[in-house]
Amino acid sequence: EYKMKKLIILIFSMFLAIITSALSKDFKINDVEKIGFQKGDQQFYQMIGAIDGWGGTLGGDTVEVYFYETKKKINNAFFKSQVPGDTWKDYCTKDNVALISKGKNACKLLKKLK
């Protein structure tokens, strides 16, 4: 009985892992451009563990957008240390994307990523 229970838990957690990885998308820069991101300069994304990063504008806001291998790898501590501050007013994530903004419009748009 105990072994059976362990097996069921194992199968269930594997199933869950497959489902969550299927639900979580790996967005790239062109996906963010589809929702109106205007690309500016490439950022020093490696310092914060990202795989890509760009400055630019989204929804009229000056933003920096960073891409991570997975949602779990997003450097939340770093972003939360920047926001809210004198420069950055908003911080949000969508799957493997992290965005910091000088305004309040960009995060509303990031939610529309598909």
C-alpha atoms as a PDB file:
ATOM      1  CA  GLU A   1       0.000   0.000   0.000  1.00  0.00           C
ATOM      2  CA  TYR A   2       2.785   2.459   0.920  1.00  0.00           C
ATOM      3  CA  LYS A   3       4.663   1.782  -2.330  1.00  0.00           C
ATOM      4  CA  MET A   4       1.479   2.275  -4.312  1.00  0.00           C
ATOM      5  CA  LYS A   5       0.844   5.600  -2.602  1.00  0.00           C
ATOM      6  CA  LYS A   6       4.409   6.708  -3.347  1.00  0.00           C
ATOM      7  CA  LEU A   7       4.026   5.703  -6.989  1.00  0.00           C
ATOM      8  CA  ILE A   8       0.762   7.615  -7.347  1.00  0.00           C
ATOM      9  CA  ILE A   9       2.377  10.721  -5.822  1.00  0.00           C
ATOM     10  CA  LEU A  10       5.352  10.357  -8.162  1.00  0.00           C
ATOM     11  CA  ILE A  11       3.168   9.980 -11.253  1.00  0.00           C
ATOM     12  CA  PHE A  12       0.957  12.864 -10.162  1.00  0.00           C
ATOM     13  CA  SER A  13       3.906  15.216  -9.563  1.00  0.00           C
ATOM     14  CA  MET A  14       5.446  14.286 -12.930  1.00  0.00           C
ATOM     15  CA  PHE A  15       2.088  14.954 -14.575  1.00  0.00           C
ATOM     16  CA  LEU A  16       1.883  18.296 -12.762  1.00  0.00           C
ATOM     17  CA  ALA A  17       5.396  19.246 -13.873  1.00  0.00           C
ATOM     18  CA  ILE A  18       4.546  18.481 -17.494  1.00  0.00           C
ATOM     19  CA  ILE A  19       1.331  20.503 -17.311  1.00  0.00           C
ATOM     20  CA  THR A  20       2.969  23.540 -15.684  1.00  0.00           C
ATOM     21  CA  SER A  21       5.847  23.588 -18.146  1.00  0.00           C
ATOM     22  CA  ALA A  22       3.297  23.405 -20.965  1.00  0.00           C
ATOM     23  CA  LEU A  23       1.321  26.295 -19.481  1.00  0.00           C
ATOM     24  CA  SER A  24       4.352  28.487 -18.948  1.00  0.00           C
ATOM     25  CA  LYS A  25       5.572  29.984 -22.213  1.00  0.00           C
ATOM     26  CA  ASP A  26       9.119  30.913 -23.015  1.00  0.00           C
ATOM     27  CA  PHE A  27       8.702  34.357 -24.483  1.00  0.00           C
ATOM     28  CA  LYS A  28      11.366  36.076 -26.557  1.00  0.00           C
ATOM     29  CA  ILE A  29      11.925  39.678 -27.615  1.00  0.00           C
ATOM     30  CA  ASN A  30       9.736  39.395 -30.749  1.00  0.00           C
ATOM     31  CA  ASP A  31       6.748  38.331 -28.584  1.00  0.00           C
ATOM     32  CA  VAL A  32       7.054  41.530 -26.541  1.00  0.00           C
ATOM     33  CA  GLU A  33       7.408  43.568 -29.729  1.00  0.00           C
ATOM     34  CA  LYS A  34       4.021  42.161 -30.831  1.00  0.00           C
ATOM     35  CA  ILE A  35       2.345  43.951 -27.898  1.00  0.00           C
ATOM     36  CA  GLY A  36       3.985  47.266 -28.847  1.00  0.00           C
ATOM     37  CA  PHE A  37       7.453  47.174 -27.289  1.00  0.00           C
ATOM     38  CA  GLN A  38       9.828  49.521 -29.114  1.00  0.00           C
ATOM     39  CA  LYS A  39      13.347  48.171 -28.795  1.00  0.00           C
ATOM     40  CA  GLY A  40      16.165  50.497 -27.729  1.00  0.00           C
ATOM     41  CA  ASP A  41      19.559  49.444 -26.361  1.00  0.00           C
ATOM     42  CA  GLN A  42      20.501  45.956 -25.292  1.00  0.00           C
ATOM     43  CA  GLN A  43      21.044  45.765 -21.517  1.00  0.00           C
ATOM     44  CA  PHE A  44      23.748  44.054 -19.430  1.00  0.00           C
ATOM     45  CA  TYR A  45      21.349  41.206 -18.761  1.00  0.00           C
ATOM     46  CA  GLN A  46      23.988  38.603 -17.751  1.00  0.00           C
ATOM     47  CA  MET A  47      24.648  40.426 -14.457  1.00  0.00           C
ATOM     48  CA  ILE A  48      21.163  39.588 -13.229  1.00  0.00           C
ATOM     49  CA  GLY A  49      21.072  36.036 -14.577  1.00  0.00           C
ATOM     50  CA  ALA A  50      18.895  36.747 -17.606  1.00  0.00           C
ATOM     51  CA  ILE A  51      19.386  35.302 -21.100  1.00  0.00           C
ATOM     52  CA  ASP A  52      18.395  38.528 -22.895  1.00  0.00           C
ATOM     53  CA  GLY A  53      17.473  42.084 -21.961  1.00  0.00           C
ATOM     54  CA  TRP A  54      16.457  45.306 -23.695  1.00  0.00           C
ATOM     55  CA  GLY A  55      15.669  48.892 -22.879  1.00  0.00           C
ATOM     56  CA  GLY A  56      12.899  50.608 -24.794  1.00  0.00           C
ATOM     57  CA  THR A  57       9.340  51.822 -24.542  1.00  0.00           C
ATOM     58  CA  LEU A  58       6.016  50.078 -24.029  1.00  0.00           C
ATOM     59  CA  GLY A  59       2.693  51.882 -23.773  1.00  0.00           C
ATOM     60  CA  GLY A  60       4.509  55.218 -23.644  1.00  0.00           C
ATOM     61  CA  ASP A  61       6.570  54.092 -20.634  1.00  0.00           C
ATOM     62  CA  THR A  62      10.355  53.824 -20.565  1.00  0.00           C
ATOM     63  CA  VAL A  63      11.044  50.202 -19.662  1.00  0.00           C
ATOM     64  CA  GLU A  64      13.665  47.499 -19.379  1.00  0.00           C
ATOM     65  CA  VAL A  65      12.550  43.993 -20.239  1.00  0.00           C
ATOM     66  CA  TYR A  66      14.499  40.869 -19.318  1.00  0.00           C
ATOM     67  CA  PHE A  67      14.098  37.276 -20.437  1.00  0.00           C
ATOM     68  CA  TYR A  68      14.983  34.275 -18.288  1.00  0.00           C
ATOM     69  CA  GLU A  69      15.396  30.575 -19.038  1.00  0.00           C
ATOM     70  CA  THR A  70      12.402  29.849 -16.832  1.00  0.00           C
ATOM     71  CA  LYS A  71       9.955  31.743 -14.615  1.00  0.00           C
ATOM     72  CA  LYS A  72      11.733  30.295 -11.545  1.00  0.00           C
ATOM     73  CA  LYS A  73      15.059  31.866 -12.567  1.00  0.00           C
ATOM     74  CA  ILE A  74      13.748  35.458 -12.528  1.00  0.00           C
ATOM     75  CA  ASN A  75      15.844  37.543 -10.132  1.00  0.00           C
ATOM     76  CA  ASN A  76      12.902  38.869  -8.060  1.00  0.00           C
ATOM     77  CA  ALA A  77      15.152  40.157  -5.273  1.00  0.00           C
ATOM     78  CA  PHE A  78      17.020  42.415  -7.687  1.00  0.00           C
ATOM     79  CA  PHE A  79      13.891  43.869  -9.280  1.00  0.00           C
ATOM     80  CA  LYS A  80      12.147  44.381  -5.951  1.00  0.00           C
ATOM     81  CA  SER A  81      15.208  46.308  -4.739  1.00  0.00           C
ATOM     82  CA  GLN A  82      14.715  48.741  -7.672  1.00  0.00           C
ATOM     83  CA  VAL A  83      10.944  49.209  -7.474  1.00  0.00           C
ATOM     84  CA  PRO A  84       9.392  51.426  -6.337  1.00  0.00           C
ATOM     85  CA  GLY A  85      12.248  53.903  -6.420  1.00  0.00           C
ATOM     86  CA  ASP A  86      13.228  57.254  -7.845  1.00  0.00           C
ATOM     87  CA  THR A  87      13.625  55.815 -11.342  1.00  0.00           C
ATOM     88  CA  TRP A  88      11.487  52.688 -11.601  1.00  0.00           C
ATOM     89  CA  LYS A  89       7.808  52.854 -10.620  1.00  0.00           C
ATOM     90  CA  ASP A  90       6.501  49.428 -11.571  1.00  0.00           C
ATOM     91  CA  TYR A  91       7.685  45.816 -11.777  1.00  0.00           C
ATOM     92  CA  CYS A  92       5.879  42.816 -13.229  1.00  0.00           C
ATOM     93  CA  THR A  93       6.502  39.394 -14.704  1.00  0.00           C
ATOM     94  CA  LYS A  94       4.757  37.155 -17.208  1.00  0.00           C
ATOM     95  CA  ASP A  95       6.088  33.601 -17.424  1.00  0.00           C
ATOM     96  CA  ASN A  96       9.841  33.997 -18.155  1.00  0.00           C
ATOM     97  CA  VAL A  97       9.679  37.791 -18.735  1.00  0.00           C
ATOM     98  CA  ALA A  98      10.519  40.444 -16.142  1.00  0.00           C
ATOM     99  CA  LEU A  99       9.765  44.103 -16.788  1.00  0.00           C
ATOM    100  CA  ILE A 100      10.573  47.292 -14.906  1.00  0.00           C
ATOM    101  CA  SER A 101       8.914  50.518 -15.925  1.00  0.00           C
ATOM    102  CA  LYS A 102       9.120  54.257 -15.257  1.00  0.00           C
ATOM    103  CA  GLY A 103       5.348  54.477 -15.727  1.00  0.00           C
ATOM    104  CA  LYS A 104       2.194  52.511 -14.962  1.00  0.00           C
ATOM    105  CA  ASN A 105       1.066  51.403 -18.450  1.00  0.00           C
ATOM    106  CA  ALA A 106       3.660  48.811 -19.476  1.00  0.00           C
ATOM    107  CA  CYS A 107       2.680  46.170 -16.911  1.00  0.00           C
ATOM    108  CA  LYS A 108      -0.951  46.313 -18.040  1.00  0.00           C
ATOM    109  CA  LEU A 109       0.257  45.572 -21.580  1.00  0.00           C
ATOM    110  CA  LEU A 110       2.625  42.785 -20.482  1.00  0.00           C
ATOM    111  CA  LYS A 111      -0.401  40.833 -19.177  1.00  0.00           C
ATOM    112  CA  LYS A 112      -1.581  40.582 -22.809  1.00  0.00           C
ATOM    113  CA  LEU A 113       1.449  38.493 -23.869  1.00  0.00           C
ATOM    114  CA  LYS A 114       0.308  35.255 -25.531  1.00  0.00           C
END
